Structure formats: structure tokens, C-alpha cells
């Protein structure tokens, strides 16, 4: 038994590419998810669900241009299906997914919105849990049978749901307070909005690594969250670097996919095919790299040896 060597971000990316090429079937779930989003009806929010956008300059009901836009018009034009199902699994995202669907389903009331969430969230959690559990087992080099996979996915889905609930509360509360203050004192309300955005980014940074830890460490959410916070605080700049590297690759390649998306040969959407496969491969590649990085740091932090 040997002490694990420290795995640097670039090394994690190199080793994750080697692992993915041996387990190329891991990209099938992201590809299947994008196909599902494209073939399914596009789910959009009606104007009644976003009343704050009605008075904005970009309001569609006013008939004015949405040039520049705002957050409400952006959400209104987004595909709710890809927003919810693409949380845990790499997806081409809201800008392209479902944009050419032949059918559009517009949610006109809060009961309809609630029903959509009740229907889609469990699917999102199960798909994400399967994807993350499979990657975790490959990174940890553990055999995963159906008898092991099913209960593990169920436990992971519950913990991801708990994490999502906590994130929802800590996100909605500051923005709700900022919105109320904005009506009374615009200057202070604007400052609160900016502060809320900063807090949201700070929370997203920690949540990013907590998700990986939940799939790698089979413990309850509070213990995993505390372990992850201790792990990050032991070497914060390294985690900031790998976090930025992940998003740099993700956003950089998303620009490439958007450029080739409309490429067609003989009426075949070859660009969409290339973008779908490429996004699934790159998304899975960087996800594996993050799992390798977190798992390596967990082993070092807990002082666990590895086999030679």
C-alpha cells in the first residue's frame, strides 16, 4: 500500500481522457438526454408566471424589442425541459435544446408549473444519479452491478434532492428580500441584488464539489458537505483553479458547438450530430476529471493509502 500522489488538474484531465476512451459508453446517457429534449415538446413559461417582466423594456407583451433583454425574458424564452433535465448531466442547454421542436407547451398557471416540476424533478434526479454513480464507480475502480446500482442511485437521488432544496432556499430568500427592498429603496435594493449574486456564486462554488463528493462518499448529506468544506479550505486556491478550468473548457466548447450547430449536408443536420456527440464527450471528460481530482484529494485529506 502506498500513499496517493497529489493529482494536479492537468493530470486529472489527461487521466480522465484515458479512462473515458476505455469506457466510451459513458457518453450514451448525455447523448440520449439531448435526443429526448429535442424530440419532446418545448416547455415554456407563459407571461402570467413572470409578472415582473411585464413592466420591463423587453417585455414581449409590450411589443418592444428584447434587445439586451433581462433575466425574466431570458427565462421565459428558455426550454424548461432542458433547464431541469440538464442540471446533472451534460446537455447542449437551453439555447439550442428543443428550439426546433414541432410542439410547444406553454405553462399558463402556477398549478401547471408545479405539476411540471413534480413530474420532471424526479426524472432529473434519477438520470443525474445514474450518471454520477457510474462515473464514481469507474473513478474508484469498483465493480457496479444492478443490485448495487439501484439502491445507490436511490440514495444519491435523495441526497441530491436535499442539496437542491437547500440551494433553492438560500438562493430564493436573498433575491426575494432584494426584490422587496428594490420597490421601496431602489439604490439599496440594487446593492442587495449585487450582493445576492455574489453570494450565489460563492454557494455555487461549494455546491459544485459537494455534488461530486456525494457520489464518491456514501454518507449523509450533512457529513459529506462538512467534509467537502474542510477539504476545500485545506487548499482553497487549488480548488478555485480546477473550478475555473472546468468552466473555461465547458463555456469554450459550448461556443464551438453553437457555431457548428446549423451545419447541414444534404438536408442532414450533421452539425447538430457533431455538437451532440462532442458535447457529450467533452462534458463527460471534464466531469470524470473533476471526480478524479476530488477523489484524490479526499484520499489524501483522510490519509487513506492506495494499492500499488
Protein backbone atom coordinates (compact mmCIF):
# COMPACT_ATOMS: atom_id res chain seq x y z
CA UNK A 1 0.00 0.00 0.00
CA UNK A 2 1.29 3.44 -0.99
CA UNK A 3 0.33 6.97 -0.13
CA UNK A 4 -1.62 8.54 -3.02
CA UNK A 5 0.26 11.08 -5.09
CA UNK A 6 -1.21 14.54 -5.47
CA UNK A 7 -3.15 14.72 -8.74
CA UNK A 8 -2.93 18.11 -10.39
CA UNK A 9 -5.80 19.47 -12.54
CA UNK A 10 -3.98 18.98 -15.86
CA UNK A 11 -3.03 15.44 -14.85
CA UNK A 12 -6.64 14.75 -13.92
CA UNK A 13 -7.76 15.92 -17.37
CA UNK A 14 -5.19 13.65 -19.06
CA UNK A 15 -6.08 10.59 -16.99
CA UNK A 16 -9.83 11.21 -17.37
CA UNK A 17 -9.44 11.21 -21.16
CA UNK A 18 -7.70 7.83 -20.98
CA UNK A 19 -10.44 6.43 -18.74
CA UNK A 20 -13.24 7.76 -20.94
CA UNK A 21 -11.70 6.25 -24.06
CA UNK A 22 -11.80 2.86 -22.30
CA UNK A 23 -15.39 3.45 -21.09
CA UNK A 24 -16.79 5.33 -24.07
CA UNK A 25 -20.29 4.03 -23.29
CA UNK A 26 -20.48 6.68 -20.54
CA UNK A 27 -21.38 9.27 -23.20
CA UNK A 28 -24.55 7.38 -24.18
CA UNK A 29 -26.65 8.90 -21.39
CA UNK A 30 -25.82 12.55 -22.28
CA UNK A 31 -26.49 11.82 -25.95
CA UNK A 32 -29.79 10.14 -25.13
CA UNK A 33 -30.80 13.08 -22.92
CA UNK A 34 -30.23 15.59 -25.73
CA UNK A 35 -32.23 13.43 -28.13
CA UNK A 36 -35.05 13.28 -25.60
CA UNK A 37 -35.05 17.07 -25.19
CA UNK A 38 -35.08 17.67 -28.95
CA UNK A 39 -37.87 15.18 -29.68
CA UNK A 40 -40.07 16.20 -26.74
CA UNK A 41 -42.30 19.30 -26.87
CA UNK A 42 -40.65 22.52 -25.80
CA UNK A 43 -41.91 23.54 -22.34
CA UNK A 44 -42.04 27.30 -21.81
CA UNK A 45 -43.34 29.66 -19.15
CA UNK A 46 -46.31 31.85 -20.03
CA UNK A 47 -46.33 35.61 -19.33
CA UNK A 48 -48.69 35.10 -16.36
CA UNK A 49 -45.92 33.30 -14.47
CA UNK A 50 -43.44 36.16 -14.81
CA UNK A 51 -45.39 39.31 -13.88
CA UNK A 52 -42.21 41.23 -13.00
CA UNK A 53 -41.23 41.18 -16.65
CA UNK A 54 -44.39 42.94 -17.78
CA UNK A 55 -43.13 46.39 -16.97
CA UNK A 56 -39.63 45.80 -18.28
CA UNK A 57 -38.42 47.37 -21.52
CA UNK A 58 -38.00 43.94 -23.05
CA UNK A 59 -41.48 42.74 -22.25
CA UNK A 60 -42.92 40.73 -25.09
CA UNK A 61 -46.45 41.86 -24.29
CA UNK A 62 -45.41 45.46 -24.84
CA UNK A 63 -44.32 44.52 -28.34
CA UNK A 64 -40.95 46.12 -27.79
CA UNK A 65 -37.60 44.67 -28.69
CA UNK A 66 -35.94 42.26 -26.30
CA UNK A 67 -32.53 43.50 -27.38
CA UNK A 68 -30.31 43.38 -24.34
CA UNK A 69 -33.09 41.50 -22.55
CA UNK A 70 -33.40 40.80 -18.86
CA UNK A 71 -33.42 37.74 -16.68
CA UNK A 72 -37.20 37.35 -16.88
CA UNK A 73 -37.44 37.43 -20.67
CA UNK A 74 -34.45 35.06 -20.78
CA UNK A 75 -36.26 32.56 -18.56
CA UNK A 76 -39.50 33.00 -20.49
CA UNK A 77 -37.79 32.05 -23.76
CA UNK A 78 -35.96 29.08 -22.24
CA UNK A 79 -36.94 25.45 -22.51
CA UNK A 80 -37.90 24.34 -19.00
CA UNK A 81 -37.37 20.72 -20.04
CA UNK A 82 -33.67 21.24 -20.74
CA UNK A 83 -33.28 23.51 -17.70
CA UNK A 84 -34.42 20.76 -15.34
CA UNK A 85 -33.14 17.63 -17.05
CA UNK A 86 -29.74 19.10 -17.88
CA UNK A 87 -28.78 20.02 -14.33
CA UNK A 88 -26.71 16.93 -13.52
CA UNK A 89 -25.95 15.51 -16.98
CA UNK A 90 -24.04 17.39 -19.72
CA UNK A 91 -26.54 18.81 -22.18
CA UNK A 92 -26.34 21.27 -25.06
CA UNK A 93 -28.51 23.51 -22.96
CA UNK A 94 -31.40 25.90 -23.14
CA UNK A 95 -30.28 27.93 -26.15
CA UNK A 96 -30.44 25.05 -28.62
CA UNK A 97 -32.22 22.16 -26.93
CA UNK A 98 -35.82 21.99 -28.04
CA UNK A 99 -35.63 25.22 -30.03
CA UNK A 100 -36.87 23.49 -33.16
CA UNK A 101 -39.44 21.25 -31.53
CA UNK A 102 -42.60 20.93 -33.59
CA UNK A 103 -44.74 21.30 -30.48
CA UNK A 104 -44.59 23.85 -27.71
CA UNK A 105 -46.24 23.50 -24.33
CA UNK A 106 -46.80 26.83 -22.56
CA UNK A 107 -47.40 26.76 -18.81
CA UNK A 108 -50.06 29.35 -18.07
CA UNK A 109 -50.67 28.90 -14.35
CA UNK A 110 -48.83 28.06 -11.14
CA UNK A 111 -50.60 24.69 -10.75
CA UNK A 112 -49.32 23.74 -14.21
CA UNK A 113 -45.83 24.88 -13.26
CA UNK A 114 -45.97 22.89 -10.02
CA UNK A 115 -47.14 19.80 -11.90
CA UNK A 116 -44.25 20.17 -14.37
CA UNK A 117 -41.75 20.40 -11.50
CA UNK A 118 -43.27 17.39 -9.72
CA UNK A 119 -43.06 15.39 -12.94
CA UNK A 120 -39.63 16.48 -14.19
CA UNK A 121 -37.59 16.82 -10.99
CA UNK A 122 -37.67 13.09 -10.07
CA UNK A 123 -36.64 12.23 -13.64
CA UNK A 124 -33.79 14.75 -13.44
CA UNK A 125 -32.61 13.38 -10.10
CA UNK A 126 -32.72 9.75 -11.24
CA UNK A 127 -30.90 10.45 -14.53
CA UNK A 128 -28.28 12.53 -12.72
CA UNK A 129 -27.81 9.92 -10.01
CA UNK A 130 -27.29 7.13 -12.55
CA UNK A 131 -24.77 9.22 -14.46
CA UNK A 132 -22.83 10.33 -11.38
CA UNK A 133 -22.89 6.89 -9.77
CA UNK A 134 -21.49 5.26 -12.92
CA UNK A 135 -18.67 7.79 -13.15
CA UNK A 136 -17.88 7.46 -9.44
CA UNK A 137 -17.62 3.68 -9.71
CA UNK A 138 -15.23 3.96 -12.66
CA UNK A 139 -13.06 6.54 -10.91
CA UNK A 140 -12.93 4.43 -7.75
CA UNK A 141 -12.37 1.26 -9.84
CA UNK A 142 -15.25 -0.55 -8.19
CA UNK A 143 -17.49 -3.13 -9.83
CA UNK A 144 -21.06 -1.89 -10.11
CA UNK A 145 -23.82 -4.47 -10.53
CA UNK A 146 -27.54 -3.83 -10.84
CA UNK A 147 -28.04 -4.97 -7.25
CA UNK A 148 -25.60 -2.28 -6.12
CA UNK A 149 -26.57 0.40 -8.64
CA UNK A 150 -30.29 0.61 -7.87
CA UNK A 151 -30.05 1.35 -4.11
CA UNK A 152 -27.05 3.62 -4.67
CA UNK A 153 -28.97 5.65 -7.24
CA UNK A 154 -31.95 5.89 -4.89
CA UNK A 155 -29.80 7.15 -2.00
CA UNK A 156 -27.89 9.57 -4.20
CA UNK A 157 -31.11 10.94 -5.70
CA UNK A 158 -32.46 11.70 -2.22
CA UNK A 159 -29.24 13.46 -1.22
CA UNK A 160 -29.16 15.47 -4.43
CA UNK A 161 -32.77 16.45 -3.79
CA UNK A 162 -31.83 17.61 -0.30
CA UNK A 163 -28.92 19.63 -1.65
CA UNK A 164 -31.13 21.17 -4.34
CA UNK A 165 -33.72 22.10 -1.72
CA UNK A 166 -31.11 23.82 0.45
CA UNK A 167 -29.71 25.68 -2.56
CA UNK A 168 -33.21 26.78 -3.54
CA UNK A 169 -33.87 28.25 -0.10
CA UNK A 170 -30.54 30.07 0.22
CA UNK A 171 -30.98 31.41 -3.31
CA UNK A 172 -34.62 32.48 -3.25
CA UNK A 173 -34.57 34.18 0.16
CA UNK A 174 -31.85 36.80 -0.61
CA UNK A 175 -33.32 37.63 -4.02
CA UNK A 176 -36.83 37.90 -2.57
CA UNK A 177 -35.61 40.34 0.08
CA UNK A 178 -33.71 42.31 -2.56
CA UNK A 179 -36.82 42.49 -4.75
CA UNK A 180 -38.94 43.85 -1.88
CA UNK A 181 -36.33 46.43 -0.94
CA UNK A 182 -35.91 47.40 -4.59
CA UNK A 183 -39.52 48.57 -4.69
CA UNK A 184 -39.09 50.81 -1.65
CA UNK A 185 -35.45 51.92 -1.87
CA UNK A 186 -34.07 51.23 -5.38
CA UNK A 187 -30.44 52.06 -4.55
CA UNK A 188 -30.25 49.71 -1.57
CA UNK A 189 -32.27 47.09 -3.45
CA UNK A 190 -29.75 47.17 -6.30
CA UNK A 191 -26.88 46.71 -3.86
CA UNK A 192 -28.68 43.77 -2.28
CA UNK A 193 -29.16 42.24 -5.72
CA UNK A 194 -25.45 42.50 -6.43
CA UNK A 195 -24.66 41.06 -3.02
CA UNK A 196 -27.12 38.21 -3.64
CA UNK A 197 -25.41 37.41 -6.94
CA UNK A 198 -22.02 37.31 -5.19
CA UNK A 199 -23.43 35.00 -2.50
CA UNK A 200 -24.98 32.80 -5.18
CA UNK A 201 -21.63 32.42 -6.97
CA UNK A 202 -19.92 31.61 -3.67
CA UNK A 203 -22.53 28.96 -2.87
CA UNK A 204 -22.34 27.51 -6.39
CA UNK A 205 -18.60 27.03 -5.98
CA UNK A 206 -19.01 24.87 -2.89
CA UNK A 207 -22.08 23.04 -4.22
CA UNK A 208 -20.13 22.07 -7.34
CA UNK A 209 -17.71 19.95 -5.31
CA UNK A 210 -20.32 18.74 -2.83
CA UNK A 211 -22.17 17.04 -5.71
CA UNK A 212 -19.03 15.11 -6.64
CA UNK A 213 -18.41 14.16 -3.01
CA UNK A 214 -21.98 12.89 -2.62
CA UNK A 215 -21.38 10.40 -5.42
CA UNK A 216 -17.94 9.39 -4.14
CA UNK A 217 -18.58 9.24 -0.38
CA UNK A 218 -21.58 7.20 0.68
CA UNK A 219 -22.52 9.21 3.76
CA UNK A 220 -25.36 11.53 4.70
CA UNK A 221 -25.57 14.98 3.16
CA UNK A 222 -24.53 16.99 6.27
CA UNK A 223 -21.39 14.89 6.83
CA UNK A 224 -20.44 14.98 3.14
CA UNK A 225 -20.99 18.74 2.98
CA UNK A 226 -18.84 19.32 6.06
CA UNK A 227 -16.12 17.00 4.73
CA UNK A 228 -16.12 18.84 1.38
CA UNK A 229 -15.90 22.26 3.06
CA UNK A 230 -12.95 21.08 5.15
CA UNK A 231 -11.34 19.63 2.05
CA UNK A 232 -11.69 22.88 0.09
CA UNK A 233 -10.47 25.03 2.99
CA UNK A 234 -7.35 22.87 3.27
CA UNK A 235 -6.24 24.03 -0.19
CA UNK A 236 -8.69 26.67 -1.49
CA UNK A 237 -6.68 28.08 -4.41
CA UNK A 238 -6.22 24.66 -5.96
CA UNK A 239 -9.98 24.12 -5.92
CA UNK A 240 -10.62 27.59 -7.33
CA UNK A 241 -8.20 26.81 -10.16
CA UNK A 242 -9.78 23.49 -11.09
CA UNK A 243 -13.26 25.06 -10.82
CA UNK A 244 -12.30 27.83 -13.27
CA UNK A 245 -10.62 25.32 -15.57
CA UNK A 246 -13.79 23.22 -15.72
CA UNK A 247 -15.98 26.16 -16.68
CA UNK A 248 -13.41 27.56 -19.10
CA UNK A 249 -13.46 24.28 -21.03
CA UNK A 250 -17.25 23.98 -20.79
CA UNK A 251 -18.02 27.51 -21.96
CA UNK A 252 -15.27 27.46 -24.57
CA UNK A 253 -16.54 24.28 -26.20
CA UNK A 254 -20.16 25.48 -25.98
CA UNK A 255 -19.20 28.34 -28.30
CA UNK A 256 -17.78 25.80 -30.75
CA UNK A 257 -20.98 23.71 -30.64
CA UNK A 258 -23.14 26.79 -31.24
CA UNK A 259 -21.06 27.69 -34.31
CA UNK A 260 -21.36 24.26 -35.96
CA UNK A 261 -24.94 23.61 -34.79
CA UNK A 262 -26.57 24.82 -38.01
CA UNK A 263 -24.19 22.97 -40.34
CA UNK A 264 -26.21 20.76 -42.70
CA UNK A 265 -25.22 18.45 -45.56
CA UNK A 266 -27.89 17.06 -47.92
CA UNK A 267 -30.61 18.20 -45.52
CA UNK A 268 -28.99 16.22 -42.73
CA UNK A 269 -28.27 18.19 -39.56
CA UNK A 270 -24.69 16.99 -39.40
CA UNK A 271 -23.77 19.98 -37.24
CA UNK A 272 -26.27 19.00 -34.58
CA UNK A 273 -24.99 15.42 -34.61
CA UNK A 274 -21.38 16.58 -34.21
CA UNK A 275 -22.35 19.04 -31.47
CA UNK A 276 -24.36 16.41 -29.57
CA UNK A 277 -21.62 13.80 -29.60
CA UNK A 278 -18.87 16.36 -28.98
CA UNK A 279 -20.69 17.95 -26.06
CA UNK A 280 -21.40 14.54 -24.51
CA UNK A 281 -17.74 13.54 -24.84
CA UNK A 282 -16.24 16.78 -23.53
CA UNK A 283 -18.83 17.11 -20.76
CA UNK A 284 -18.19 13.56 -19.57
CA UNK A 285 -14.42 14.03 -19.91
CA UNK A 286 -14.29 17.09 -17.65
CA UNK A 287 -16.79 15.53 -15.23
CA UNK A 288 -14.57 12.48 -14.83
CA UNK A 289 -11.59 14.79 -14.34
CA UNK A 290 -13.37 16.61 -11.50
CA UNK A 291 -14.27 13.28 -9.88
CA UNK A 292 -10.66 12.11 -10.13
CA UNK A 293 -9.42 15.36 -8.64
CA UNK A 294 -11.90 15.33 -5.72
CA UNK A 295 -11.38 11.61 -5.02
CA UNK A 296 -7.60 12.06 -4.98
CA UNK A 297 -7.85 14.98 -2.57
CA UNK A 298 -10.28 13.07 -0.36
CA UNK A 299 -7.86 10.15 -0.09
CA UNK A 300 -5.00 12.50 0.80
CA UNK A 301 -7.11 14.51 3.24
CA UNK A 302 -8.28 11.39 5.07
CA UNK A 303 -4.84 9.78 4.89
CA UNK A 304 -6.05 6.65 3.09
CA UNK A 305 -3.43 4.59 1.22
CA UNK A 306 -3.88 3.18 -2.26
CA UNK A 307 -2.80 -0.14 -3.75
CA UNK A 308 0.45 -0.04 -5.80
